[in-house]
Amino acid sequence: MSKWMKVDPATLKVGDEVRWVMAITGGRVIREVAVREIAPDGIRLGLTYIAPGNGTWYVRKPKKAKPPTRPDEPPVGSLFRINRTGNCYCRAGVSKYVRTDGFIPWKWVDITEPGDTITLLDLVERES
């Protein structure tokens, strides 16, 4: 499956990644760059202006978005906060997580969702 899709040059915008192909005697010329400027008489690819009627124009197909993943589990004994919920936990064992305000054991898949981020916290002793 090709990563390029044939387009009408009138639909191009500045910043689009394009491939321009022009047949010449004895071969062809190919340019793969981003569109730098759209002018009334041409499209600027790099340092060259090319008339929209010349050659065949292709635009790069957008890549499929990757599904979000769960964050990596923190080390045993660490304190951390799940940024989405604001809840703080301590990893108490191989698959035990204890919430700091309720001491309820949880599993990693129960407390995180794909796309979550965590912040490791430091436990600091202070005088009251």
N, C-alpha and C. Protein backbone atom coordinates (compact mmCIF):
# COMPACT_ATOMS: atom_id res chain seq x y z
N MET A 1 0.85 -1.17 0.00
CA MET A 1 0.00 0.00 0.00
C MET A 1 0.90 1.24 0.00
N SER A 2 0.59 2.15 -0.88
CA SER A 2 1.41 3.35 -1.04
C SER A 2 1.13 4.36 0.06
N LYS A 3 2.17 5.10 0.42
CA LYS A 3 1.99 6.15 1.41
C LYS A 3 1.67 7.48 0.75
N TRP A 4 1.53 7.49 -0.58
CA TRP A 4 1.22 8.70 -1.33
C TRP A 4 -0.14 8.59 -1.99
N MET A 5 -0.87 9.70 -2.02
CA MET A 5 -2.21 9.75 -2.60
C MET A 5 -2.23 10.85 -3.67
N LYS A 6 -2.67 10.52 -4.87
CA LYS A 6 -2.71 11.48 -5.96
C LYS A 6 -3.73 12.57 -5.65
N VAL A 7 -3.34 13.85 -5.89
CA VAL A 7 -4.23 14.97 -5.57
C VAL A 7 -4.19 16.00 -6.68
N ASP A 8 -5.18 16.87 -6.66
CA ASP A 8 -5.21 18.04 -7.52
C ASP A 8 -4.33 19.10 -6.85
N PRO A 9 -3.37 19.71 -7.56
CA PRO A 9 -2.49 20.69 -6.93
C PRO A 9 -3.22 21.90 -6.34
N ALA A 10 -4.45 22.16 -6.79
CA ALA A 10 -5.23 23.27 -6.24
C ALA A 10 -5.62 23.02 -4.78
N THR A 11 -5.58 21.77 -4.33
CA THR A 11 -5.97 21.44 -2.96
C THR A 11 -4.81 21.49 -1.98
N LEU A 12 -3.59 21.71 -2.47
CA LEU A 12 -2.42 21.71 -1.59
C LEU A 12 -2.39 22.95 -0.70
N LYS A 13 -1.79 22.79 0.46
CA LYS A 13 -1.61 23.89 1.42
C LYS A 13 -0.14 23.96 1.82
N VAL A 14 0.27 25.11 2.29
CA VAL A 14 1.65 25.26 2.77
C VAL A 14 1.85 24.28 3.93
N GLY A 15 2.97 23.56 3.88
CA GLY A 15 3.29 22.58 4.92
C GLY A 15 2.96 21.15 4.53
N ASP A 16 2.12 20.95 3.51
CA ASP A 16 1.81 19.59 3.07
C ASP A 16 3.08 18.92 2.56
N GLU A 17 3.26 17.65 2.90
CA GLU A 17 4.36 16.88 2.34
C GLU A 17 3.89 16.33 1.00
N VAL A 18 4.60 16.72 -0.07
CA VAL A 18 4.16 16.33 -1.40
C VAL A 18 5.26 15.58 -2.14
N ARG A 19 4.80 14.87 -3.14
CA ARG A 19 5.69 14.20 -4.09
C ARG A 19 5.24 14.68 -5.46
N TRP A 20 6.18 15.24 -6.21
CA TRP A 20 5.89 15.74 -7.55
C TRP A 20 6.68 14.90 -8.54
N VAL A 21 6.01 14.36 -9.56
CA VAL A 21 6.66 13.50 -10.54
C VAL A 21 6.43 14.09 -11.91
N MET A 22 7.52 14.26 -12.69
CA MET A 22 7.45 14.81 -14.04
C MET A 22 8.22 13.89 -14.97
N ALA A 23 7.56 13.43 -16.03
CA ALA A 23 8.22 12.58 -17.01
C ALA A 23 9.07 13.46 -17.93
N ILE A 24 10.31 13.06 -18.17
CA ILE A 24 11.19 13.76 -19.09
C ILE A 24 11.78 12.74 -20.06
N THR A 25 12.43 13.21 -21.08
CA THR A 25 13.06 12.30 -22.04
C THR A 25 14.11 11.48 -21.32
N GLY A 26 13.97 10.19 -21.40
CA GLY A 26 14.96 9.30 -20.79
C GLY A 26 14.74 9.03 -19.32
N GLY A 27 13.61 9.44 -18.74
CA GLY A 27 13.37 9.15 -17.33
C GLY A 27 12.30 10.04 -16.73
N ARG A 28 12.49 10.39 -15.47
CA ARG A 28 11.53 11.27 -14.81
C ARG A 28 12.22 11.99 -13.66
N VAL A 29 11.62 13.10 -13.24
CA VAL A 29 12.12 13.89 -12.13
C VAL A 29 11.14 13.71 -10.98
N ILE A 30 11.66 13.46 -9.78
CA ILE A 30 10.81 13.27 -8.60
C ILE A 30 11.32 14.19 -7.51
N ARG A 31 10.41 14.93 -6.89
CA ARG A 31 10.75 15.76 -5.72
C ARG A 31 9.81 15.36 -4.59
N GLU A 32 10.37 15.14 -3.42
CA GLU A 32 9.57 14.84 -2.23
C GLU A 32 9.97 15.84 -1.15
N VAL A 33 9.16 16.87 -0.97
CA VAL A 33 9.43 17.93 0.00
C VAL A 33 8.11 18.51 0.50
N ALA A 34 8.21 19.42 1.45
CA ALA A 34 7.03 20.12 1.95
C ALA A 34 6.79 21.35 1.09
N VAL A 35 5.53 21.70 0.91
CA VAL A 35 5.17 22.91 0.17
C VAL A 35 5.58 24.11 1.01
N ARG A 36 6.38 25.01 0.42
CA ARG A 36 6.85 26.19 1.16
C ARG A 36 6.01 27.42 0.88
N GLU A 37 5.41 27.49 -0.31
CA GLU A 37 4.64 28.68 -0.67
C GLU A 37 3.70 28.32 -1.81
N ILE A 38 2.53 28.96 -1.82
CA ILE A 38 1.58 28.82 -2.92
C ILE A 38 1.46 30.21 -3.56
N ALA A 39 1.88 30.32 -4.80
CA ALA A 39 1.81 31.59 -5.52
C ALA A 39 0.81 31.46 -6.66
N PRO A 40 0.35 32.57 -7.24
CA PRO A 40 -0.61 32.49 -8.35
C PRO A 40 -0.08 31.71 -9.55
N ASP A 41 1.23 31.79 -9.79
CA ASP A 41 1.77 31.13 -10.98
C ASP A 41 2.56 29.85 -10.68
N GLY A 42 2.63 29.43 -9.44
CA GLY A 42 3.37 28.22 -9.14
C GLY A 42 3.33 27.83 -7.67
N ILE A 43 3.82 26.64 -7.41
CA ILE A 43 3.91 26.11 -6.05
C ILE A 43 5.39 25.94 -5.75
N ARG A 44 5.83 26.48 -4.63
CA ARG A 44 7.25 26.43 -4.28
C ARG A 44 7.56 25.16 -3.50
N LEU A 45 8.41 24.33 -4.10
CA LEU A 45 8.92 23.12 -3.46
C LEU A 45 10.43 23.32 -3.28
N GLY A 46 10.85 23.53 -2.07
CA GLY A 46 12.27 23.83 -1.85
C GLY A 46 12.59 25.18 -2.43
N LEU A 47 13.56 25.23 -3.35
CA LEU A 47 13.95 26.49 -3.98
C LEU A 47 13.31 26.69 -5.35
N THR A 48 12.50 25.76 -5.79
CA THR A 48 11.94 25.78 -7.14
C THR A 48 10.44 26.03 -7.12
N TYR A 49 9.99 26.91 -8.06
CA TYR A 49 8.56 27.08 -8.30
C TYR A 49 8.16 26.17 -9.44
N ILE A 50 7.05 25.45 -9.25
CA ILE A 50 6.56 24.53 -10.28
C ILE A 50 5.12 24.91 -10.59
N ALA A 51 4.80 25.01 -11.89
CA ALA A 51 3.44 25.33 -12.30
C ALA A 51 2.52 24.17 -11.94
N PRO A 52 1.34 24.47 -11.41
CA PRO A 52 0.44 23.39 -10.98
C PRO A 52 0.06 22.42 -12.09
N GLY A 53 0.06 22.87 -13.33
CA GLY A 53 -0.32 22.00 -14.45
C GLY A 53 0.77 21.05 -14.88
N ASN A 54 1.97 21.21 -14.37
CA ASN A 54 3.08 20.34 -14.76
C ASN A 54 3.17 19.14 -13.83
N GLY A 55 3.36 17.98 -14.43
CA GLY A 55 3.61 16.77 -13.65
C GLY A 55 2.40 16.25 -12.90
N THR A 56 2.68 15.26 -12.08
CA THR A 56 1.64 14.61 -11.28
C THR A 56 1.96 14.90 -9.81
N TRP A 57 0.94 15.25 -9.04
CA TRP A 57 1.12 15.66 -7.65
C TRP A 57 0.53 14.60 -6.72
N TYR A 58 1.26 14.31 -5.65
CA TYR A 58 0.82 13.36 -4.63
C TYR A 58 1.02 14.02 -3.27
N VAL A 59 0.20 13.65 -2.32
CA VAL A 59 0.36 14.13 -0.95
C VAL A 59 0.52 12.90 -0.05
N ARG A 60 1.33 13.05 0.99
CA ARG A 60 1.56 11.93 1.90
C ARG A 60 0.30 11.64 2.70
N LYS A 61 -0.08 10.37 2.75
CA LYS A 61 -1.24 9.98 3.54
C LYS A 61 -0.91 10.14 5.02
N PRO A 62 -1.87 10.61 5.82
CA PRO A 62 -1.59 10.72 7.26
C PRO A 62 -1.41 9.34 7.88
N LYS A 63 -0.51 9.28 8.85
CA LYS A 63 -0.29 8.01 9.55
C LYS A 63 -1.44 7.74 10.50
N LYS A 64 -1.73 6.46 10.69
CA LYS A 64 -2.77 6.09 11.64
C LYS A 64 -2.30 6.41 13.05
N ALA A 65 -3.21 6.95 13.85
CA ALA A 65 -2.88 7.27 15.23
C ALA A 65 -2.73 5.98 16.03
N LYS A 66 -1.70 5.93 16.85
CA LYS A 66 -1.50 4.77 17.70
C LYS A 66 -2.44 4.87 18.90
N PRO A 67 -3.01 3.74 19.30
CA PRO A 67 -3.87 3.80 20.49
C PRO A 67 -3.06 4.13 21.73
N PRO A 68 -3.63 4.88 22.66
CA PRO A 68 -2.87 5.21 23.87
C PRO A 68 -2.60 3.96 24.69
N THR A 69 -1.48 3.97 25.40
CA THR A 69 -1.10 2.83 26.23
C THR A 69 -1.09 3.24 27.70
N ARG A 70 -1.10 2.25 28.56
CA ARG A 70 -1.01 2.51 30.00
C ARG A 70 0.43 2.90 30.33
N PRO A 71 0.62 3.72 31.36
CA PRO A 71 2.00 4.03 31.76
C PRO A 71 2.67 2.80 32.35
N ASP A 72 3.99 2.81 32.33
CA ASP A 72 4.74 1.72 32.96
C ASP A 72 4.51 1.76 34.46
N GLU A 73 4.49 0.56 35.07
CA GLU A 73 4.27 0.48 36.51
C GLU A 73 5.49 1.04 37.25
N PRO A 74 5.25 1.80 38.32
CA PRO A 74 6.37 2.34 39.08
C PRO A 74 7.02 1.23 39.92
N PRO A 75 8.23 1.46 40.45
CA PRO A 75 8.89 0.44 41.26
C PRO A 75 8.15 0.19 42.58
N VAL A 76 8.34 -1.02 43.13
CA VAL A 76 7.74 -1.37 44.41
C VAL A 76 8.25 -0.41 45.48
N GLY A 77 7.35 0.08 46.33
CA GLY A 77 7.70 1.00 47.40
C GLY A 77 7.62 2.47 47.02
N SER A 78 7.33 2.77 45.77
CA SER A 78 7.30 4.17 45.36
C SER A 78 5.91 4.77 45.57
N LEU A 79 5.91 6.07 45.78
CA LEU A 79 4.67 6.85 45.86
C LEU A 79 4.49 7.53 44.51
N PHE A 80 3.24 7.59 44.03
CA PHE A 80 2.99 8.23 42.75
C PHE A 80 1.57 8.77 42.70
N ARG A 81 1.36 9.71 41.79
CA ARG A 81 0.03 10.30 41.57
C ARG A 81 -0.37 10.04 40.13
N ILE A 82 -1.63 9.65 39.95
CA ILE A 82 -2.19 9.52 38.61
C ILE A 82 -2.73 10.91 38.25
N ASN A 83 -2.14 11.53 37.25
CA ASN A 83 -2.45 12.92 36.93
C ASN A 83 -3.91 13.15 36.53
N ARG A 84 -4.53 12.19 35.88
CA ARG A 84 -5.92 12.35 35.44
C ARG A 84 -6.87 12.47 36.63
N THR A 85 -6.67 11.65 37.66
CA THR A 85 -7.59 11.64 38.81
C THR A 85 -7.08 12.44 39.99
N GLY A 86 -5.76 12.61 40.09
CA GLY A 86 -5.18 13.29 41.24
C GLY A 86 -5.00 12.38 42.44
N ASN A 87 -5.40 11.12 42.34
CA ASN A 87 -5.25 10.17 43.45
C ASN A 87 -3.80 9.75 43.60
N CYS A 88 -3.37 9.61 44.85
CA CYS A 88 -2.01 9.18 45.15
C CYS A 88 -2.02 7.75 45.65
N TYR A 89 -1.02 6.99 45.25
CA TYR A 89 -0.93 5.57 45.61
C TYR A 89 0.49 5.24 46.02
N CYS A 90 0.61 4.09 46.68
CA CYS A 90 1.91 3.50 46.99
C CYS A 90 1.89 2.10 46.40
N ARG A 91 2.95 1.74 45.69
CA ARG A 91 3.02 0.37 45.19
C ARG A 91 3.55 -0.50 46.32
N ALA A 92 2.67 -1.37 46.81
CA ALA A 92 2.99 -2.15 48.01
C ALA A 92 3.56 -3.52 47.70
N GLY A 93 3.40 -3.99 46.50
CA GLY A 93 3.91 -5.32 46.17
C GLY A 93 3.88 -5.53 44.68
N VAL A 94 4.02 -6.80 44.28
CA VAL A 94 4.09 -7.12 42.86
C VAL A 94 2.85 -6.64 42.11
N SER A 95 1.67 -6.86 42.65
CA SER A 95 0.46 -6.39 41.97
C SER A 95 -0.50 -5.73 42.96
N LYS A 96 0.03 -5.08 43.99
CA LYS A 96 -0.81 -4.39 44.98
C LYS A 96 -0.49 -2.92 45.00
N TYR A 97 -1.55 -2.14 44.95
CA TYR A 97 -1.44 -0.70 45.02
C TYR A 97 -2.37 -0.21 46.11
N VAL A 98 -1.87 0.63 46.98
CA VAL A 98 -2.65 1.12 48.12
C VAL A 98 -2.84 2.61 47.94
N ARG A 99 -4.11 3.05 48.00
CA ARG A 99 -4.39 4.47 47.90
C ARG A 99 -4.03 5.14 49.21
N THR A 100 -3.38 6.27 49.17
CA THR A 100 -2.86 6.90 50.38
C THR A 100 -3.94 7.43 51.30
N ASP A 101 -5.13 7.67 50.80
CA ASP A 101 -6.17 8.21 51.69
C ASP A 101 -7.13 7.14 52.19
N GLY A 102 -7.06 5.92 51.69
CA GLY A 102 -8.03 4.92 52.12
C GLY A 102 -7.47 3.54 52.34
N PHE A 103 -6.24 3.34 52.00
CA PHE A 103 -5.57 2.05 52.16
C PHE A 103 -6.38 0.90 51.59
N ILE A 104 -6.83 1.08 50.37
CA ILE A 104 -7.57 0.03 49.66
C ILE A 104 -6.66 -0.57 48.60
N PRO A 105 -6.43 -1.88 48.62
CA PRO A 105 -5.56 -2.46 47.60
C PRO A 105 -6.23 -2.45 46.22
N TRP A 106 -5.45 -2.16 45.19
CA TRP A 106 -5.94 -2.08 43.81
C TRP A 106 -4.97 -2.82 42.89
N LYS A 107 -5.42 -3.11 41.69
CA LYS A 107 -4.55 -3.64 40.64
C LYS A 107 -4.25 -2.49 39.68
N TRP A 108 -3.15 -2.60 38.94
CA TRP A 108 -2.73 -1.54 38.02
C TRP A 108 -3.81 -1.23 36.98
N VAL A 109 -4.46 -2.27 36.44
CA VAL A 109 -5.49 -2.04 35.43
C VAL A 109 -6.76 -1.43 36.03
N ASP A 110 -6.93 -1.52 37.35
CA ASP A 110 -8.09 -0.92 38.00
C ASP A 110 -7.90 0.57 38.27
N ILE A 111 -6.65 1.01 38.41
CA ILE A 111 -6.43 2.41 38.78
C ILE A 111 -5.97 3.28 37.60
N THR A 112 -5.54 2.66 36.49
CA THR A 112 -5.09 3.44 35.33
C THR A 112 -5.94 3.13 34.12
N GLU A 113 -5.93 4.06 33.18
CA GLU A 113 -6.58 3.89 31.89
C GLU A 113 -5.55 4.16 30.81
N PRO A 114 -5.73 3.62 29.61
CA PRO A 114 -4.80 3.94 28.53
C PRO A 114 -4.73 5.46 28.32
N GLY A 115 -3.53 5.97 28.17
CA GLY A 115 -3.32 7.40 27.99
C GLY A 115 -3.01 8.16 29.26
N ASP A 116 -3.17 7.52 30.43
CA ASP A 116 -2.85 8.17 31.71
C ASP A 116 -1.35 8.46 31.81
N THR A 117 -1.05 9.46 32.61
CA THR A 117 0.34 9.74 32.97
C THR A 117 0.44 9.72 34.48
N ILE A 118 1.63 9.39 34.97
CA ILE A 118 1.84 9.37 36.42
C ILE A 118 3.02 10.26 36.76
N THR A 119 3.03 10.72 38.01
CA THR A 119 4.14 11.50 38.53
C THR A 119 4.64 10.80 39.78
N LEU A 120 5.94 10.48 39.79
CA LEU A 120 6.53 9.87 40.98
C LEU A 120 6.68 10.95 42.04
N LEU A 121 6.37 10.61 43.28
CA LEU A 121 6.41 11.57 44.38
C LEU A 121 7.54 11.22 45.34
N ASP A 122 8.06 12.23 46.01
CA ASP A 122 9.09 12.01 47.03
C ASP A 122 8.45 12.11 48.41
N LEU A 123 8.82 11.21 49.30
CA LEU A 123 8.39 11.27 50.68
C LEU A 123 9.47 12.00 51.47
N VAL A 124 9.10 13.13 52.05
CA VAL A 124 10.06 13.96 52.75
C VAL A 124 9.67 14.08 54.21
N GLU A 125 10.62 13.84 55.10
CA GLU A 125 10.35 13.99 56.54
C GLU A 125 10.53 15.44 56.90
N ARG A 126 9.58 15.95 57.68
CA ARG A 126 9.68 17.36 58.13
C ARG A 126 9.19 17.46 59.55
N GLU A 127 9.63 18.50 60.22
CA GLU A 127 9.20 18.73 61.60
C GLU A 127 7.87 19.46 61.57
N SER A 128 7.03 19.15 62.54
CA SER A 128 5.72 19.82 62.56
C SER A 128 5.72 21.02 63.49
